[in-house]
PDB file of N, CA and C in Angstrom:
ATOM      1  N   UNK A   1      18.721  11.565 -33.734  1.00  0.00           N
ATOM      2  CA  UNK A   1      17.371  11.645 -33.216  1.00  0.00           C
ATOM      3  C   UNK A   1      16.401  11.360 -34.363  1.00  0.00           C
ATOM      4  N   UNK A   2      15.425  10.479 -34.169  1.00  0.00           N
ATOM      5  CA  UNK A   2      14.473  10.163 -35.241  1.00  0.00           C
ATOM      6  C   UNK A   2      13.549  11.338 -35.522  1.00  0.00           C
ATOM      7  N   UNK A   3      13.148  11.465 -36.794  1.00  0.00           N
ATOM      8  CA  UNK A   3      12.230  12.539 -37.159  1.00  0.00           C
ATOM      9  C   UNK A   3      10.804  12.154 -36.768  1.00  0.00           C
ATOM     10  N   UNK A   4       9.957  13.160 -36.733  1.00  0.00           N
ATOM     11  CA  UNK A   4       8.547  12.919 -36.400  1.00  0.00           C
ATOM     12  C   UNK A   4       7.916  12.047 -37.481  1.00  0.00           C
ATOM     13  N   UNK A   5       6.998  11.166 -37.119  1.00  0.00           N
ATOM     14  CA  UNK A   5       6.364  10.318 -38.121  1.00  0.00           C
ATOM     15  C   UNK A   5       5.564  11.157 -39.114  1.00  0.00           C
ATOM     16  N   UNK A   6       5.591  10.729 -40.351  1.00  0.00           N
ATOM     17  CA  UNK A   6       4.858  11.421 -41.408  1.00  0.00           C
ATOM     18  C   UNK A   6       3.355  11.240 -41.220  1.00  0.00           C
ATOM     19  N   UNK A   7       2.614  12.299 -41.474  1.00  0.00           N
ATOM     20  CA  UNK A   7       1.162  12.236 -41.424  1.00  0.00           C
ATOM     21  C   UNK A   7       0.662  12.147 -42.859  1.00  0.00           C
ATOM     22  N   UNK A   8      -0.175  11.154 -43.135  1.00  0.00           N
ATOM     23  CA  UNK A   8      -0.729  10.977 -44.467  1.00  0.00           C
ATOM     24  C   UNK A   8      -2.088  11.658 -44.561  1.00  0.00           C
ATOM     25  N   UNK A   9      -2.316  12.322 -45.686  1.00  0.00           N
ATOM     26  CA  UNK A   9      -3.583  12.980 -45.965  1.00  0.00           C
ATOM     27  C   UNK A   9      -4.492  11.952 -46.630  1.00  0.00           C
ATOM     28  N   UNK A  10      -5.734  11.823 -46.126  1.00  0.00           N
ATOM     29  CA  UNK A  10      -6.622  10.744 -46.542  1.00  0.00           C
ATOM     30  C   UNK A  10      -7.995  11.291 -46.959  1.00  0.00           C
ATOM     31  N   UNK A  11      -8.584  10.635 -47.978  1.00  0.00           N
ATOM     32  CA  UNK A  11      -9.944  10.924 -48.411  1.00  0.00           C
ATOM     33  C   UNK A  11     -10.731   9.610 -48.452  1.00  0.00           C
ATOM     34  N   UNK A  12     -12.044   9.707 -48.288  1.00  0.00           N
ATOM     35  CA  UNK A  12     -12.927   8.537 -48.376  1.00  0.00           C
ATOM     36  C   UNK A  12     -14.013   8.839 -49.403  1.00  0.00           C
ATOM     37  N   UNK A  13     -14.101   7.993 -50.417  1.00  0.00           N
ATOM     38  CA  UNK A  13     -15.152   8.101 -51.426  1.00  0.00           C
ATOM     39  C   UNK A  13     -16.210   7.053 -51.083  1.00  0.00           C
ATOM     40  N   UNK A  14     -17.436   7.498 -50.916  1.00  0.00           N
ATOM     41  CA  UNK A  14     -18.507   6.579 -50.541  1.00  0.00           C
ATOM     42  C   UNK A  14     -18.687   6.500 -49.045  1.00  0.00           C
ATOM     43  N   UNK A  15     -18.702   7.654 -48.393  1.00  0.00           N
ATOM     44  CA  UNK A  15     -18.758   7.699 -46.935  1.00  0.00           C
ATOM     45  C   UNK A  15     -20.139   7.426 -46.360  1.00  0.00           C
ATOM     46  N   UNK A  16     -21.152   7.272 -47.204  1.00  0.00           N
ATOM     47  CA  UNK A  16     -22.510   7.108 -46.671  1.00  0.00           C
ATOM     48  C   UNK A  16     -22.892   5.655 -46.397  1.00  0.00           C
ATOM     49  N   UNK A  17     -22.119   4.701 -46.852  1.00  0.00           N
ATOM     50  CA  UNK A  17     -22.441   3.294 -46.621  1.00  0.00           C
ATOM     51  C   UNK A  17     -21.760   2.724 -45.391  1.00  0.00           C
ATOM     52  N   UNK A  18     -22.079   1.476 -45.103  1.00  0.00           N
ATOM     53  CA  UNK A  18     -21.511   0.810 -43.931  1.00  0.00           C
ATOM     54  C   UNK A  18     -19.982   0.755 -43.999  1.00  0.00           C
ATOM     55  N   UNK A  19     -19.440   0.364 -45.143  1.00  0.00           N
ATOM     56  CA  UNK A  19     -17.979   0.271 -45.273  1.00  0.00           C
ATOM     57  C   UNK A  19     -17.338   1.640 -45.083  1.00  0.00           C
ATOM     58  N   UNK A  20     -17.937   2.670 -45.684  1.00  0.00           N
ATOM     59  CA  UNK A  20     -17.419   4.025 -45.511  1.00  0.00           C
ATOM     60  C   UNK A  20     -17.417   4.449 -44.062  1.00  0.00           C
ATOM     61  N   UNK A  21     -18.479   4.125 -43.338  1.00  0.00           N
ATOM     62  CA  UNK A  21     -18.570   4.485 -41.919  1.00  0.00           C
ATOM     63  C   UNK A  21     -17.477   3.806 -41.104  1.00  0.00           C
ATOM     64  N   UNK A  22     -17.222   2.544 -41.381  1.00  0.00           N
ATOM     65  CA  UNK A  22     -16.178   1.818 -40.652  1.00  0.00           C
ATOM     66  C   UNK A  22     -14.799   2.381 -40.967  1.00  0.00           C
ATOM     67  N   UNK A  23     -14.546   2.677 -42.228  1.00  0.00           N
ATOM     68  CA  UNK A  23     -13.250   3.262 -42.612  1.00  0.00           C
ATOM     69  C   UNK A  23     -13.079   4.617 -41.943  1.00  0.00           C
ATOM     70  N   UNK A  24     -14.116   5.432 -41.927  1.00  0.00           N
ATOM     71  CA  UNK A  24     -14.044   6.728 -41.248  1.00  0.00           C
ATOM     72  C   UNK A  24     -13.706   6.560 -39.774  1.00  0.00           C
ATOM     73  N   UNK A  25     -14.362   5.621 -39.131  1.00  0.00           N
ATOM     74  CA  UNK A  25     -14.105   5.378 -37.702  1.00  0.00           C
ATOM     75  C   UNK A  25     -12.642   5.014 -37.469  1.00  0.00           C
ATOM     76  N   UNK A  26     -12.113   4.133 -38.303  1.00  0.00           N
ATOM     77  CA  UNK A  26     -10.697   3.727 -38.164  1.00  0.00           C
ATOM     78  C   UNK A  26      -9.757   4.899 -38.423  1.00  0.00           C
ATOM     79  N   UNK A  27     -10.057   5.656 -39.486  1.00  0.00           N
ATOM     80  CA  UNK A  27      -9.174   6.766 -39.855  1.00  0.00           C
ATOM     81  C   UNK A  27      -9.139   7.854 -38.791  1.00  0.00           C
ATOM     82  N   UNK A  28     -10.306   8.189 -38.258  1.00  0.00           N
ATOM     83  CA  UNK A  28     -10.367   9.273 -37.280  1.00  0.00           C
ATOM     84  C   UNK A  28      -9.685   8.915 -35.967  1.00  0.00           C
ATOM     85  N   UNK A  29      -9.464   7.653 -35.725  1.00  0.00           N
ATOM     86  CA  UNK A  29      -8.771   7.231 -34.514  1.00  0.00           C
ATOM     87  C   UNK A  29      -7.286   6.993 -34.715  1.00  0.00           C
ATOM     88  N   UNK A  30      -6.799   7.199 -35.932  1.00  0.00           N
ATOM     89  CA  UNK A  30      -5.391   6.903 -36.219  1.00  0.00           C
ATOM     90  C   UNK A  30      -4.535   8.158 -36.062  1.00  0.00           C
ATOM     91  N   UNK A  31      -3.445   8.085 -35.308  1.00  0.00           N
ATOM     92  CA  UNK A  31      -2.633   9.270 -35.029  1.00  0.00           C
ATOM     93  C   UNK A  31      -1.815   9.781 -36.220  1.00  0.00           C
ATOM     94  N   UNK A  32      -1.584   8.950 -37.240  1.00  0.00           N
ATOM     95  CA  UNK A  32      -0.738   9.376 -38.363  1.00  0.00           C
ATOM     96  C   UNK A  32      -1.534   9.628 -39.649  1.00  0.00           C
ATOM     97  N   UNK A  33      -2.855   9.710 -39.529  1.00  0.00           N
ATOM     98  CA  UNK A  33      -3.691   9.971 -40.691  1.00  0.00           C
ATOM     99  C   UNK A  33      -4.546  11.207 -40.434  1.00  0.00           C
ATOM    100  N   UNK A  34      -4.698  12.031 -41.477  1.00  0.00           N
ATOM    101  CA  UNK A  34      -5.547  13.227 -41.360  1.00  0.00           C
ATOM    102  C   UNK A  34      -6.594  13.176 -42.454  1.00  0.00           C
ATOM    103  N   UNK A  35      -7.842  12.980 -42.066  1.00  0.00           N
ATOM    104  CA  UNK A  35      -8.950  12.917 -42.998  1.00  0.00           C
ATOM    105  C   UNK A  35      -9.276  14.328 -43.485  1.00  0.00           C
ATOM    106  N   UNK A  36      -9.224  14.540 -44.815  1.00  0.00           N
ATOM    107  CA  UNK A  36      -9.487  15.867 -45.366  1.00  0.00           C
ATOM    108  C   UNK A  36     -10.729  15.902 -46.244  1.00  0.00           C
ATOM    109  N   UNK A  37     -11.267  14.732 -46.583  1.00  0.00           N
ATOM    110  CA  UNK A  37     -12.393  14.705 -47.506  1.00  0.00           C
ATOM    111  C   UNK A  37     -13.188  13.421 -47.344  1.00  0.00           C
ATOM    112  N   UNK A  38     -14.518  13.560 -47.417  1.00  0.00           N
ATOM    113  CA  UNK A  38     -15.412  12.411 -47.433  1.00  0.00           C
ATOM    114  C   UNK A  38     -16.530  12.732 -48.419  1.00  0.00           C
ATOM    115  N   UNK A  39     -16.810  11.803 -49.325  1.00  0.00           N
ATOM    116  CA  UNK A  39     -17.825  12.067 -50.339  1.00  0.00           C
ATOM    117  C   UNK A  39     -19.055  11.194 -50.139  1.00  0.00           C
ATOM    118  N   UNK A  40     -20.189  11.763 -50.530  1.00  0.00           N
ATOM    119  CA  UNK A  40     -21.465  11.055 -50.563  1.00  0.00           C
ATOM    120  C   UNK A  40     -22.379  11.928 -51.423  1.00  0.00           C
ATOM    121  N   UNK A  41     -22.544  11.561 -52.671  1.00  0.00           N
ATOM    122  CA  UNK A  41     -23.263  12.412 -53.625  1.00  0.00           C
ATOM    123  C   UNK A  41     -24.622  12.870 -53.123  1.00  0.00           C
ATOM    124  N   UNK A  42     -25.432  11.965 -52.599  1.00  0.00           N
ATOM    125  CA  UNK A  42     -26.788  12.344 -52.187  1.00  0.00           C
ATOM    126  C   UNK A  42     -26.808  13.165 -50.897  1.00  0.00           C
ATOM    127  N   UNK A  43     -25.690  13.199 -50.172  1.00  0.00           N
ATOM    128  CA  UNK A  43     -25.624  13.940 -48.912  1.00  0.00           C
ATOM    129  C   UNK A  43     -24.634  15.105 -48.990  1.00  0.00           C
ATOM    130  N   UNK A  44     -24.148  15.440 -50.184  1.00  0.00           N
ATOM    131  CA  UNK A  44     -23.164  16.520 -50.342  1.00  0.00           C
ATOM    132  C   UNK A  44     -23.705  17.817 -49.739  1.00  0.00           C
ATOM    133  N   UNK A  45     -22.841  18.505 -49.016  1.00  0.00           N
ATOM    134  CA  UNK A  45     -23.198  19.757 -48.357  1.00  0.00           C
ATOM    135  C   UNK A  45     -23.625  19.594 -46.912  1.00  0.00           C
ATOM    136  N   UNK A  46     -23.904  18.374 -46.495  1.00  0.00           N
ATOM    137  CA  UNK A  46     -24.284  18.112 -45.107  1.00  0.00           C
ATOM    138  C   UNK A  46     -23.037  17.814 -44.273  1.00  0.00           C
ATOM    139  N   UNK A  47     -23.068  18.153 -42.987  1.00  0.00           N
ATOM    140  CA  UNK A  47     -21.961  17.756 -42.120  1.00  0.00           C
ATOM    141  C   UNK A  47     -21.870  16.226 -42.050  1.00  0.00           C
ATOM    142  N   UNK A  48     -20.675  15.728 -41.995  1.00  0.00           N
ATOM    143  CA  UNK A  48     -20.465  14.287 -41.878  1.00  0.00           C
ATOM    144  C   UNK A  48     -21.176  13.735 -40.649  1.00  0.00           C
ATOM    145  N   UNK A  49     -21.216  14.524 -39.595  1.00  0.00           N
ATOM    146  CA  UNK A  49     -21.855  14.069 -38.354  1.00  0.00           C
ATOM    147  C   UNK A  49     -23.379  14.019 -38.452  1.00  0.00           C
ATOM    148  N   UNK A  50     -23.983  14.669 -39.447  1.00  0.00           N
ATOM    149  CA  UNK A  50     -25.425  14.545 -39.664  1.00  0.00           C
ATOM    150  C   UNK A  50     -25.743  13.151 -40.187  1.00  0.00           C
ATOM    151  N   UNK A  51     -24.822  12.586 -40.936  1.00  0.00           N
ATOM    152  CA  UNK A  51     -24.984  11.242 -41.470  1.00  0.00           C
ATOM    153  C   UNK A  51     -24.565  10.191 -40.455  1.00  0.00           C
ATOM    154  N   UNK A  52     -23.501  10.461 -39.740  1.00  0.00           N
ATOM    155  CA  UNK A  52     -22.957   9.520 -38.738  1.00  0.00           C
ATOM    156  C   UNK A  52     -22.782  10.253 -37.402  1.00  0.00           C
ATOM    157  N   UNK A  53     -23.852  10.341 -36.591  1.00  0.00           N
ATOM    158  CA  UNK A  53     -23.791  11.071 -35.315  1.00  0.00           C
ATOM    159  C   UNK A  53     -22.731  10.553 -34.346  1.00  0.00           C
ATOM    160  N   UNK A  54     -22.352   9.280 -34.475  1.00  0.00           N
ATOM    161  CA  UNK A  54     -21.335   8.741 -33.571  1.00  0.00           C
ATOM    162  C   UNK A  54     -19.961   9.401 -33.773  1.00  0.00           C
ATOM    163  N   UNK A  55     -19.808  10.180 -34.844  1.00  0.00           N
ATOM    164  CA  UNK A  55     -18.531  10.857 -35.101  1.00  0.00           C
ATOM    165  C   UNK A  55     -18.496  12.275 -34.544  1.00  0.00           C
ATOM    166  N   UNK A  56     -19.572  12.706 -33.863  1.00  0.00           N
ATOM    167  CA  UNK A  56     -19.596  14.037 -33.254  1.00  0.00           C
ATOM    168  C   UNK A  56     -18.410  14.160 -32.307  1.00  0.00           C
ATOM    169  N   UNK A  57     -17.711  15.263 -32.416  1.00  0.00           N
ATOM    170  CA  UNK A  57     -16.535  15.500 -31.574  1.00  0.00           C
ATOM    171  C   UNK A  57     -15.235  14.995 -32.178  1.00  0.00           C
ATOM    172  N   UNK A  58     -15.340  14.261 -33.283  1.00  0.00           N
ATOM    173  CA  UNK A  58     -14.142  13.720 -33.931  1.00  0.00           C
ATOM    174  C   UNK A  58     -13.800  14.423 -35.235  1.00  0.00           C
ATOM    175  N   UNK A  59     -14.789  15.090 -35.832  1.00  0.00           N
ATOM    176  CA  UNK A  59     -14.555  15.749 -37.118  1.00  0.00           C
ATOM    177  C   UNK A  59     -15.587  16.842 -37.345  1.00  0.00           C
ATOM    178  N   UNK A  60     -15.216  17.831 -38.145  1.00  0.00           N
ATOM    179  CA  UNK A  60     -16.156  18.878 -38.551  1.00  0.00           C
ATOM    180  C   UNK A  60     -16.266  18.926 -40.080  1.00  0.00           C
ATOM    181  N   UNK A  61     -15.905  17.828 -40.744  1.00  0.00           N
ATOM    182  CA  UNK A  61     -15.953  17.769 -42.199  1.00  0.00           C
ATOM    183  C   UNK A  61     -17.380  17.877 -42.719  1.00  0.00           C
ATOM    184  N   UNK A  62     -17.490  18.463 -43.910  1.00  0.00           N
ATOM    185  CA  UNK A  62     -18.743  18.524 -44.649  1.00  0.00           C
ATOM    186  C   UNK A  62     -18.600  17.587 -45.838  1.00  0.00           C
ATOM    187  N   UNK A  63     -19.622  16.776 -46.079  1.00  0.00           N
ATOM    188  CA  UNK A  63     -19.588  15.836 -47.200  1.00  0.00           C
ATOM    189  C   UNK A  63     -19.597  16.592 -48.527  1.00  0.00           C
ATOM    190  N   UNK A  64     -18.856  16.060 -49.488  1.00  0.00           N
ATOM    191  CA  UNK A  64     -18.770  16.666 -50.813  1.00  0.00           C
ATOM    192  C   UNK A  64     -19.131  15.627 -51.872  1.00  0.00           C
ATOM    193  N   UNK A  65     -19.232  16.083 -53.105  1.00  0.00           N
ATOM    194  CA  UNK A  65     -19.506  15.145 -54.191  1.00  0.00           C
ATOM    195  C   UNK A  65     -18.223  14.715 -54.898  1.00  0.00           C
ATOM    196  N   UNK A  66     -17.132  15.443 -54.694  1.00  0.00           N
ATOM    197  CA  UNK A  66     -15.836  15.108 -55.290  1.00  0.00           C
ATOM    198  C   UNK A  66     -14.772  15.078 -54.188  1.00  0.00           C
ATOM    199  N   UNK A  67     -13.866  14.099 -54.220  1.00  0.00           N
ATOM    200  CA  UNK A  67     -12.832  14.039 -53.183  1.00  0.00           C
ATOM    201  C   UNK A  67     -11.765  15.111 -53.370  1.00  0.00           C
ATOM    202  N   UNK A  68     -11.192  15.542 -52.269  1.00  0.00           N
ATOM    203  CA  UNK A  68     -10.059  16.464 -52.301  1.00  0.00           C
ATOM    204  C   UNK A  68      -8.792  15.670 -52.595  1.00  0.00           C
ATOM    205  N   UNK A  69      -7.756  16.334 -53.106  1.00  0.00           N
ATOM    206  CA  UNK A  69      -6.477  15.633 -53.308  1.00  0.00           C
ATOM    207  C   UNK A  69      -5.969  15.062 -51.981  1.00  0.00           C
ATOM    208  N   UNK A  70      -5.426  13.845 -52.046  1.00  0.00           N
ATOM    209  CA  UNK A  70      -4.957  13.171 -50.829  1.00  0.00           C
ATOM    210  C   UNK A  70      -3.819  12.224 -51.183  1.00  0.00           C
ATOM    211  N   UNK A  71      -3.044  11.841 -50.170  1.00  0.00           N
ATOM    212  CA  UNK A  71      -1.997  10.837 -50.356  1.00  0.00           C
ATOM    213  C   UNK A  71      -2.619   9.468 -50.590  1.00  0.00           C
ATOM    214  N   UNK A  72      -3.734   9.209 -49.889  1.00  0.00           N
ATOM    215  CA  UNK A  72      -4.437   7.923 -49.982  1.00  0.00           C
ATOM    216  C   UNK A  72      -5.930   8.209 -50.072  1.00  0.00           C
ATOM    217  N   UNK A  73      -6.602   7.524 -51.001  1.00  0.00           N
ATOM    218  CA  UNK A  73      -8.055   7.638 -51.132  1.00  0.00           C
ATOM    219  C   UNK A  73      -8.655   6.246 -50.997  1.00  0.00           C
ATOM    220  N   UNK A  74      -9.556   6.092 -50.046  1.00  0.00           N
ATOM    221  CA  UNK A  74     -10.260   4.821 -49.845  1.00  0.00           C
ATOM    222  C   UNK A  74     -11.538   4.853 -50.665  1.00  0.00           C
ATOM    223  N   UNK A  75     -11.741   3.844 -51.493  1.00  0.00           N
ATOM    224  CA  UNK A  75     -12.965   3.726 -52.287  1.00  0.00           C
ATOM    225  C   UNK A  75     -13.899   2.738 -51.590  1.00  0.00           C
ATOM    226  N   UNK A  76     -14.966   3.255 -51.033  1.00  0.00           N
ATOM    227  CA  UNK A  76     -15.936   2.447 -50.295  1.00  0.00           C
ATOM    228  C   UNK A  76     -17.246   2.467 -51.065  1.00  0.00           C
ATOM    229  N   UNK A  77     -17.179   1.971 -52.272  1.00  0.00           N
ATOM    230  CA  UNK A  77     -18.324   2.037 -53.191  1.00  0.00           C
ATOM    231  C   UNK A  77     -19.004   0.673 -53.296  1.00  0.00           C
ATOM    232  N   UNK A  78     -20.299   0.681 -53.678  1.00  0.00           N
ATOM    233  CA  UNK A  78     -21.001  -0.596 -53.825  1.00  0.00           C
ATOM    234  C   UNK A  78     -20.434  -1.426 -54.955  1.00  0.00           C
TER     235      UNK A  78
END
């Protein structure tokens, strides 16, 4: 019998820009990825959904200035 698929822990650095928003949208819809961190220095401490209202109901993450440890970190920087 095959084992359950592995879930990868993911972080996004630079979640306040267009690229960060698109990566977040893709990640939150993926069944084998678990988003644990999103950074945006100027918005640190705010809910991710305050920055991107279209994500309401998909996450309760709060933006931070430093990423949490993750298996994969997406850099969405200028």
